[in-house]
Amino acid sequence: MKLCGYGVVVFLLLSMFSGAVHSQNIYTENFPPYNYQVDGKLVGLSSKIIQKMADEIGAEPSISLLPWSRAYKFAKERKNSGIFSIVRVPPREADFQWVGPIETVNMGIYTSELNAIEYSGGNETRLEQARQAASIGVQRGGAAEKILMSMGFKNLYHSATTRKAILRLIDHRYELLALDENYVEYILKAENIPLSRIRRVADIGKFNLYLAFSNSTPIDVVEKWQQALDAIKSRSQLENDELTN
């Protein structure tokens, strides 16, 4: 009887641990081509990697697509919760435990083709010219906002979504817009707007995207996700090496 009771205890403990892995709540936003929905299914470059990681550790996370500010709040405050695709910048560092990188974004500053203001010279000169612009559109709470604020930009105007910011640039409600180049191209194509309608005037830089977990999430859970990502990358590199040999 004692042995049987001990076995039950072990089983319950293992079930509790397994449940902690399987009860992950992960939040994301509509941010194509990295994470977005098609016919109710979550797809995209980052979404594909997250699913591979979940398969690697045998997890079945609940993934919710929410507005960015709400996704950030839930992921930060709730236990066993995470968020992707999130740029790792100093103002966010202490809010999460980080797993990654999973993808990379190329951030730039854009203007409308009809903007008569010329941006010339080296990139630092063009960034300084952008600091003097009437307005730069950014997503409220987004990476571009955090990065430009750290670079001394004061002329930031906020939109609830990056899609709205792009359309406001096209409508000349913003002089400039700060955003990832892949997202800009995706939205313009989705809205049937020619790519020639905007031009890139300055580079902000390349930044890594991460999966980030709340600080109340057990560290062993976070480590399992990182180990899964490392294993996936290792196999991918090995496959690439074999193809080139």
C-alpha atoms as a PDB file:
ATOM      1  CA  MET A   1       0.000   0.000   0.000  1.00  0.00           C
ATOM      2  CA  LYS A   2       2.830   2.373   0.814  1.00  0.00           C
ATOM      3  CA  LEU A   3       4.461   1.705  -2.515  1.00  0.00           C
ATOM      4  CA  CYS A   4       1.174   2.244  -4.285  1.00  0.00           C
ATOM      5  CA  GLY A   5       0.648   5.526  -2.434  1.00  0.00           C
ATOM      6  CA  TYR A   6       4.144   6.680  -3.313  1.00  0.00           C
ATOM      7  CA  GLY A   7       3.486   5.902  -6.949  1.00  0.00           C
ATOM      8  CA  VAL A   8       0.324   7.985  -6.888  1.00  0.00           C
ATOM      9  CA  VAL A   9       2.231  10.918  -5.387  1.00  0.00           C
ATOM     10  CA  VAL A  10       4.924  10.684  -8.051  1.00  0.00           C
ATOM     11  CA  PHE A  11       2.274  10.513 -10.773  1.00  0.00           C
ATOM     12  CA  LEU A  12       0.515  13.589  -9.404  1.00  0.00           C
ATOM     13  CA  LEU A  13       3.760  15.529  -9.184  1.00  0.00           C
ATOM     14  CA  LEU A  14       4.646  14.627 -12.761  1.00  0.00           C
ATOM     15  CA  SER A  15       1.148  15.577 -13.881  1.00  0.00           C
ATOM     16  CA  MET A  16       1.438  18.941 -12.141  1.00  0.00           C
ATOM     17  CA  PHE A  17       4.774  19.615 -13.816  1.00  0.00           C
ATOM     18  CA  SER A  18       3.456  18.518 -17.201  1.00  0.00           C
ATOM     19  CA  GLY A  19       0.398  20.717 -16.701  1.00  0.00           C
ATOM     20  CA  ALA A  20       2.640  23.733 -16.063  1.00  0.00           C
ATOM     21  CA  VAL A  21       4.255  23.204 -19.432  1.00  0.00           C
ATOM     22  CA  HIS A  22       0.970  22.566 -21.250  1.00  0.00           C
ATOM     23  CA  SER A  23      -0.979  25.434 -19.636  1.00  0.00           C
ATOM     24  CA  GLN A  24       1.034  28.210 -21.268  1.00  0.00           C
ATOM     25  CA  ASN A  25      -0.931  31.263 -22.369  1.00  0.00           C
ATOM     26  CA  ILE A  26       0.880  33.044 -25.174  1.00  0.00           C
ATOM     27  CA  TYR A  27      -0.251  36.328 -26.672  1.00  0.00           C
ATOM     28  CA  THR A  28       0.587  37.978 -29.945  1.00  0.00           C
ATOM     29  CA  GLU A  29      -0.681  40.733 -32.237  1.00  0.00           C
ATOM     30  CA  ASN A  30      -1.508  41.100 -35.899  1.00  0.00           C
ATOM     31  CA  PHE A  31       1.983  41.793 -37.263  1.00  0.00           C
ATOM     32  CA  PRO A  32       2.443  40.260 -40.723  1.00  0.00           C
ATOM     33  CA  PRO A  33       4.488  38.629 -42.072  1.00  0.00           C
ATOM     34  CA  TYR A  34       5.666  37.524 -38.612  1.00  0.00           C
ATOM     35  CA  ASN A  35       2.358  36.668 -36.894  1.00  0.00           C
ATOM     36  CA  TYR A  36      -1.177  37.086 -38.244  1.00  0.00           C
ATOM     37  CA  GLN A  37      -4.388  35.180 -38.947  1.00  0.00           C
ATOM     38  CA  VAL A  38      -5.670  33.696 -42.192  1.00  0.00           C
ATOM     39  CA  ASP A  39      -9.137  32.124 -42.068  1.00  0.00           C
ATOM     40  CA  GLY A  40      -8.915  31.964 -38.287  1.00  0.00           C
ATOM     41  CA  LYS A  41      -5.534  30.201 -38.313  1.00  0.00           C
ATOM     42  CA  LEU A  42      -2.403  31.802 -36.883  1.00  0.00           C
ATOM     43  CA  VAL A  43       0.371  31.908 -39.486  1.00  0.00           C
ATOM     44  CA  GLY A  44       3.589  33.801 -40.188  1.00  0.00           C
ATOM     45  CA  LEU A  45       7.347  33.494 -39.850  1.00  0.00           C
ATOM     46  CA  SER A  46       7.430  33.790 -36.062  1.00  0.00           C
ATOM     47  CA  SER A  47       4.240  31.769 -35.536  1.00  0.00           C
ATOM     48  CA  LYS A  48       5.815  28.852 -37.403  1.00  0.00           C
ATOM     49  CA  ILE A  49       8.864  28.897 -35.129  1.00  0.00           C
ATOM     50  CA  ILE A  50       6.734  29.113 -31.972  1.00  0.00           C
ATOM     51  CA  GLN A  51       4.750  26.046 -33.098  1.00  0.00           C
ATOM     52  CA  LYS A  52       7.959  24.131 -33.779  1.00  0.00           C
ATOM     53  CA  MET A  53       9.209  25.005 -30.285  1.00  0.00           C
ATOM     54  CA  ALA A  54       5.935  23.853 -28.736  1.00  0.00           C
ATOM     55  CA  ASP A  55       6.135  20.562 -30.641  1.00  0.00           C
ATOM     56  CA  GLU A  56       9.724  20.113 -29.487  1.00  0.00           C
ATOM     57  CA  ILE A  57       8.766  20.177 -25.804  1.00  0.00           C
ATOM     58  CA  GLY A  58       5.344  18.579 -26.214  1.00  0.00           C
ATOM     59  CA  ALA A  59       3.497  21.721 -25.179  1.00  0.00           C
ATOM     60  CA  GLU A  60       0.066  22.826 -26.334  1.00  0.00           C
ATOM     61  CA  PRO A  61      -0.049  26.542 -25.531  1.00  0.00           C
ATOM     62  CA  SER A  62      -3.169  28.637 -25.860  1.00  0.00           C
ATOM     63  CA  ILE A  63      -2.240  31.420 -28.313  1.00  0.00           C
ATOM     64  CA  SER A  64      -4.423  34.536 -28.457  1.00  0.00           C
ATOM     65  CA  LEU A  65      -4.268  37.344 -31.013  1.00  0.00           C
ATOM     66  CA  LEU A  66      -4.868  40.671 -29.224  1.00  0.00           C
ATOM     67  CA  PRO A  67      -4.148  44.390 -29.614  1.00  0.00           C
ATOM     68  CA  TRP A  68      -0.505  44.998 -28.711  1.00  0.00           C
ATOM     69  CA  SER A  69      -1.071  46.945 -25.482  1.00  0.00           C
ATOM     70  CA  ARG A  70      -3.381  44.265 -24.075  1.00  0.00           C
ATOM     71  CA  ALA A  71      -1.111  41.406 -25.169  1.00  0.00           C
ATOM     72  CA  TYR A  72       1.849  43.126 -23.479  1.00  0.00           C
ATOM     73  CA  LYS A  73      -0.089  43.697 -20.246  1.00  0.00           C
ATOM     74  CA  PHE A  74      -1.349  40.112 -20.000  1.00  0.00           C
ATOM     75  CA  ALA A  75       2.042  38.590 -20.817  1.00  0.00           C
ATOM     76  CA  LYS A  76       3.767  40.781 -18.247  1.00  0.00           C
ATOM     77  CA  GLU A  77       1.330  40.286 -15.390  1.00  0.00           C
ATOM     78  CA  ARG A  78       0.075  36.712 -15.699  1.00  0.00           C
ATOM     79  CA  LYS A  79       1.885  33.558 -14.585  1.00  0.00           C
ATOM     80  CA  ASN A  80       2.816  31.042 -17.288  1.00  0.00           C
ATOM     81  CA  SER A  81       2.209  33.700 -19.921  1.00  0.00           C
ATOM     82  CA  GLY A  82       4.299  34.853 -22.860  1.00  0.00           C
ATOM     83  CA  ILE A  83       4.285  37.189 -25.846  1.00  0.00           C
ATOM     84  CA  PHE A  84       5.760  37.218 -29.366  1.00  0.00           C
ATOM     85  CA  SER A  85       7.071  38.729 -31.616  1.00  0.00           C
ATOM     86  CA  ILE A  86       8.596  41.298 -29.287  1.00  0.00           C
ATOM     87  CA  VAL A  87      11.725  43.398 -29.840  1.00  0.00           C
ATOM     88  CA  ARG A  88      14.144  43.215 -26.917  1.00  0.00           C
ATOM     89  CA  VAL A  89      15.004  46.799 -25.997  1.00  0.00           C
ATOM     90  CA  PRO A  90      16.329  48.198 -22.656  1.00  0.00           C
ATOM     91  CA  PRO A  91      13.002  49.696 -21.435  1.00  0.00           C
ATOM     92  CA  ARG A  92      11.428  46.218 -21.650  1.00  0.00           C
ATOM     93  CA  GLU A  93      14.339  44.175 -20.325  1.00  0.00           C
ATOM     94  CA  ALA A  94      13.182  43.840 -16.723  1.00  0.00           C
ATOM     95  CA  ASP A  95       9.550  43.116 -17.642  1.00  0.00           C
ATOM     96  CA  PHE A  96      10.164  39.626 -19.005  1.00  0.00           C
ATOM     97  CA  GLN A  97      12.277  36.489 -19.236  1.00  0.00           C
ATOM     98  CA  TRP A  98      13.545  36.246 -22.793  1.00  0.00           C
ATOM     99  CA  VAL A  99      13.662  33.334 -25.236  1.00  0.00           C
ATOM    100  CA  GLY A 100      15.241  33.845 -28.623  1.00  0.00           C
ATOM    101  CA  PRO A 101      16.004  35.364 -30.916  1.00  0.00           C
ATOM    102  CA  ILE A 102      13.362  33.929 -33.232  1.00  0.00           C
ATOM    103  CA  GLU A 103      13.405  36.479 -36.089  1.00  0.00           C
ATOM    104  CA  THR A 104      14.915  39.842 -37.073  1.00  0.00           C
ATOM    105  CA  VAL A 105      13.248  43.094 -38.148  1.00  0.00           C
ATOM    106  CA  ASN A 106      14.778  45.910 -40.192  1.00  0.00           C
ATOM    107  CA  MET A 107      13.447  49.213 -38.864  1.00  0.00           C
ATOM    108  CA  GLY A 108      13.458  52.361 -40.953  1.00  0.00           C
ATOM    109  CA  ILE A 109      11.881  55.803 -41.310  1.00  0.00           C
ATOM    110  CA  TYR A 110       9.567  56.324 -44.280  1.00  0.00           C
ATOM    111  CA  THR A 111       7.826  59.245 -45.950  1.00  0.00           C
ATOM    112  CA  SER A 112       5.224  59.703 -48.667  1.00  0.00           C
ATOM    113  CA  GLU A 113       6.379  59.987 -52.268  1.00  0.00           C
ATOM    114  CA  LEU A 114       4.666  63.403 -52.378  1.00  0.00           C
ATOM    115  CA  ASN A 115       6.612  64.817 -49.441  1.00  0.00           C
ATOM    116  CA  ALA A 116       8.664  67.651 -50.929  1.00  0.00           C
ATOM    117  CA  ILE A 117      11.163  67.684 -48.052  1.00  0.00           C
ATOM    118  CA  GLU A 118      14.487  66.239 -49.157  1.00  0.00           C
ATOM    119  CA  TYR A 119      16.453  63.883 -46.929  1.00  0.00           C
ATOM    120  CA  SER A 120      20.066  63.692 -48.039  1.00  0.00           C
ATOM    121  CA  GLY A 121      23.545  62.957 -46.771  1.00  0.00           C
ATOM    122  CA  GLY A 122      24.667  60.043 -44.635  1.00  0.00           C
ATOM    123  CA  ASN A 123      22.271  58.093 -42.435  1.00  0.00           C
ATOM    124  CA  GLU A 124      23.146  60.061 -39.280  1.00  0.00           C
ATOM    125  CA  THR A 125      22.437  63.300 -41.130  1.00  0.00           C
ATOM    126  CA  ARG A 126      19.093  61.976 -42.343  1.00  0.00           C
ATOM    127  CA  LEU A 127      18.187  60.825 -38.831  1.00  0.00           C
ATOM    128  CA  GLU A 128      18.929  64.314 -37.564  1.00  0.00           C
ATOM    129  CA  GLN A 129      16.710  65.760 -40.282  1.00  0.00           C
ATOM    130  CA  ALA A 130      13.974  63.347 -39.164  1.00  0.00           C
ATOM    131  CA  ARG A 131      14.276  64.666 -35.593  1.00  0.00           C
ATOM    132  CA  GLN A 132      13.275  68.073 -36.957  1.00  0.00           C
ATOM    133  CA  ALA A 133      10.229  66.782 -38.864  1.00  0.00           C
ATOM    134  CA  ALA A 134       6.726  67.847 -37.917  1.00  0.00           C
ATOM    135  CA  SER A 135       5.640  64.321 -37.016  1.00  0.00           C
ATOM    136  CA  ILE A 136       6.787  60.695 -36.993  1.00  0.00           C
ATOM    137  CA  GLY A 137       4.057  58.072 -36.725  1.00  0.00           C
ATOM    138  CA  VAL A 138       4.645  55.123 -34.364  1.00  0.00           C
ATOM    139  CA  GLN A 139       2.532  52.432 -32.747  1.00  0.00           C
ATOM    140  CA  ARG A 140       1.723  53.278 -29.139  1.00  0.00           C
ATOM    141  CA  GLY A 141       3.885  51.089 -26.918  1.00  0.00           C
ATOM    142  CA  GLY A 142       5.607  49.532 -29.927  1.00  0.00           C
ATOM    143  CA  ALA A 143       9.304  48.938 -30.522  1.00  0.00           C
ATOM    144  CA  ALA A 144       9.743  51.930 -32.831  1.00  0.00           C
ATOM    145  CA  GLU A 145       8.426  54.245 -30.129  1.00  0.00           C
ATOM    146  CA  LYS A 146      10.851  52.847 -27.521  1.00  0.00           C
ATOM    147  CA  ILE A 147      13.832  52.916 -29.877  1.00  0.00           C
ATOM    148  CA  LEU A 148      13.268  56.442 -31.184  1.00  0.00           C
ATOM    149  CA  MET A 149      12.666  57.807 -27.687  1.00  0.00           C
ATOM    150  CA  SER A 150      16.009  56.328 -26.630  1.00  0.00           C
ATOM    151  CA  MET A 151      17.572  58.112 -29.632  1.00  0.00           C
ATOM    152  CA  GLY A 152      16.258  61.485 -28.505  1.00  0.00           C
ATOM    153  CA  PHE A 153      13.241  61.829 -30.813  1.00  0.00           C
ATOM    154  CA  LYS A 154      10.525  64.116 -29.402  1.00  0.00           C
ATOM    155  CA  ASN A 155       8.228  64.419 -32.428  1.00  0.00           C
ATOM    156  CA  LEU A 156       6.418  61.090 -32.110  1.00  0.00           C
ATOM    157  CA  TYR A 157       2.714  60.753 -32.866  1.00  0.00           C
ATOM    158  CA  HIS A 158       0.904  57.609 -31.796  1.00  0.00           C
ATOM    159  CA  SER A 159      -1.492  55.221 -33.498  1.00  0.00           C
ATOM    160  CA  ALA A 160      -3.250  52.276 -31.902  1.00  0.00           C
ATOM    161  CA  THR A 161      -2.026  50.000 -34.705  1.00  0.00           C
ATOM    162  CA  THR A 162       0.803  50.101 -37.215  1.00  0.00           C
ATOM    163  CA  ARG A 163      -1.687  49.623 -40.058  1.00  0.00           C
ATOM    164  CA  LYS A 164      -3.404  52.881 -39.091  1.00  0.00           C
ATOM    165  CA  ALA A 165      -0.021  54.605 -38.981  1.00  0.00           C
ATOM    166  CA  ILE A 166       0.779  53.513 -42.544  1.00  0.00           C
ATOM    167  CA  LEU A 167      -2.558  54.762 -43.857  1.00  0.00           C
ATOM    168  CA  ARG A 168      -2.078  58.078 -42.062  1.00  0.00           C
ATOM    169  CA  LEU A 169       1.292  58.454 -43.769  1.00  0.00           C
ATOM    170  CA  ILE A 170      -0.310  57.814 -47.156  1.00  0.00           C
ATOM    171  CA  ASP A 171      -3.006  60.402 -46.314  1.00  0.00           C
ATOM    172  CA  HIS A 172      -0.249  62.913 -45.344  1.00  0.00           C
ATOM    173  CA  ARG A 173      -1.395  63.088 -41.726  1.00  0.00           C
ATOM    174  CA  TYR A 174       2.139  62.113 -40.706  1.00  0.00           C
ATOM    175  CA  GLU A 175       5.274  63.496 -42.302  1.00  0.00           C
ATOM    176  CA  LEU A 176       7.237  60.367 -41.428  1.00  0.00           C
ATOM    177  CA  LEU A 177       6.630  56.827 -40.212  1.00  0.00           C
ATOM    178  CA  ALA A 178       8.916  54.433 -38.316  1.00  0.00           C
ATOM    179  CA  LEU A 179       8.359  50.732 -38.974  1.00  0.00           C
ATOM    180  CA  ASP A 180       9.763  47.380 -40.117  1.00  0.00           C
ATOM    181  CA  GLU A 181      10.264  47.167 -43.883  1.00  0.00           C
ATOM    182  CA  ASN A 182       8.586  43.750 -44.296  1.00  0.00           C
ATOM    183  CA  TYR A 183       5.463  44.930 -42.496  1.00  0.00           C
ATOM    184  CA  VAL A 184       5.278  48.107 -44.598  1.00  0.00           C
ATOM    185  CA  GLU A 185       5.462  46.101 -47.822  1.00  0.00           C
ATOM    186  CA  TYR A 186       2.868  43.589 -46.620  1.00  0.00           C
ATOM    187  CA  ILE A 187       0.291  46.227 -45.668  1.00  0.00           C
ATOM    188  CA  LEU A 188       0.759  48.237 -48.846  1.00  0.00           C
ATOM    189  CA  LYS A 189       0.159  45.115 -50.941  1.00  0.00           C
ATOM    190  CA  ALA A 190      -2.856  44.139 -48.826  1.00  0.00           C
ATOM    191  CA  GLU A 191      -4.350  47.603 -49.318  1.00  0.00           C
ATOM    192  CA  ASN A 192      -3.538  47.608 -53.049  1.00  0.00           C
ATOM    193  CA  ILE A 193      -1.279  50.620 -52.592  1.00  0.00           C
ATOM    194  CA  PRO A 194       1.771  50.745 -54.910  1.00  0.00           C
ATOM    195  CA  LEU A 195       5.097  50.397 -53.113  1.00  0.00           C
ATOM    196  CA  SER A 196       6.195  53.541 -54.946  1.00  0.00           C
ATOM    197  CA  ARG A 197       3.819  55.594 -52.760  1.00  0.00           C
ATOM    198  CA  ILE A 198       6.416  55.695 -49.972  1.00  0.00           C
ATOM    199  CA  ARG A 199      10.198  55.957 -49.753  1.00  0.00           C
ATOM    200  CA  ARG A 200      12.671  55.086 -47.020  1.00  0.00           C
ATOM    201  CA  VAL A 201      14.604  58.125 -45.834  1.00  0.00           C
ATOM    202  CA  ALA A 202      16.700  56.706 -42.953  1.00  0.00           C
ATOM    203  CA  ASP A 203      17.721  53.445 -41.305  1.00  0.00           C
ATOM    204  CA  ILE A 204      17.040  52.846 -37.605  1.00  0.00           C
ATOM    205  CA  GLY A 205      18.666  49.417 -37.450  1.00  0.00           C
ATOM    206  CA  LYS A 206      18.102  45.674 -37.280  1.00  0.00           C
ATOM    207  CA  PHE A 207      16.615  44.245 -34.092  1.00  0.00           C
ATOM    208  CA  ASN A 208      15.923  40.725 -32.912  1.00  0.00           C
ATOM    209  CA  LEU A 209      12.432  39.444 -32.150  1.00  0.00           C
ATOM    210  CA  TYR A 210      11.820  37.236 -29.111  1.00  0.00           C
ATOM    211  CA  LEU A 211       9.323  35.115 -27.261  1.00  0.00           C
ATOM    212  CA  ALA A 212       9.151  36.633 -23.770  1.00  0.00           C
ATOM    213  CA  PHE A 213       7.605  35.185 -20.590  1.00  0.00           C
ATOM    214  CA  SER A 214       6.315  36.915 -17.476  1.00  0.00           C
ATOM    215  CA  ASN A 215       8.747  37.060 -14.571  1.00  0.00           C
ATOM    216  CA  SER A 216       6.330  34.920 -12.516  1.00  0.00           C
ATOM    217  CA  THR A 217       6.676  32.050 -15.003  1.00  0.00           C
ATOM    218  CA  PRO A 218       8.886  29.271 -13.542  1.00  0.00           C
ATOM    219  CA  ILE A 219      12.454  29.520 -14.816  1.00  0.00           C
ATOM    220  CA  ASP A 220      12.539  25.827 -15.752  1.00  0.00           C
ATOM    221  CA  VAL A 221       9.618  26.399 -18.142  1.00  0.00           C
ATOM    222  CA  VAL A 222      11.425  29.321 -19.788  1.00  0.00           C
ATOM    223  CA  GLU A 223      14.598  27.254 -20.093  1.00  0.00           C
ATOM    224  CA  LYS A 224      12.693  24.435 -21.833  1.00  0.00           C
ATOM    225  CA  TRP A 225      11.475  26.857 -24.506  1.00  0.00           C
ATOM    226  CA  GLN A 226      14.996  28.213 -25.030  1.00  0.00           C
ATOM    227  CA  GLN A 227      16.416  24.695 -25.250  1.00  0.00           C
ATOM    228  CA  ALA A 228      13.762  23.815 -27.815  1.00  0.00           C
ATOM    229  CA  LEU A 229      14.694  26.833 -29.935  1.00  0.00           C
ATOM    230  CA  ASP A 230      18.398  26.018 -29.672  1.00  0.00           C
ATOM    231  CA  ALA A 231      17.737  22.438 -30.789  1.00  0.00           C
ATOM    232  CA  ILE A 232      15.664  23.602 -33.782  1.00  0.00           C
ATOM    233  CA  LYS A 233      18.357  26.055 -34.855  1.00  0.00           C
ATOM    234  CA  SER A 234      21.062  23.423 -34.451  1.00  0.00           C
ATOM    235  CA  ARG A 235      19.216  20.938 -36.673  1.00  0.00           C
ATOM    236  CA  SER A 236      18.507  23.645 -39.248  1.00  0.00           C
ATOM    237  CA  GLN A 237      22.176  24.619 -39.368  1.00  0.00           C
ATOM    238  CA  LEU A 238      23.200  20.977 -39.721  1.00  0.00           C
ATOM    239  CA  GLU A 239      20.756  20.507 -42.612  1.00  0.00           C
ATOM    240  CA  ASN A 240      22.081  23.629 -44.315  1.00  0.00           C
ATOM    241  CA  ASP A 241      25.674  22.422 -43.898  1.00  0.00           C
ATOM    242  CA  GLU A 242      24.771  19.060 -45.442  1.00  0.00           C
ATOM    243  CA  LEU A 243      23.145  20.759 -48.428  1.00  0.00           C
ATOM    244  CA  THR A 244      26.238  22.890 -49.102  1.00  0.00           C
ATOM    245  CA  ASN A 245      28.686  19.980 -48.796  1.00  0.00           C
END
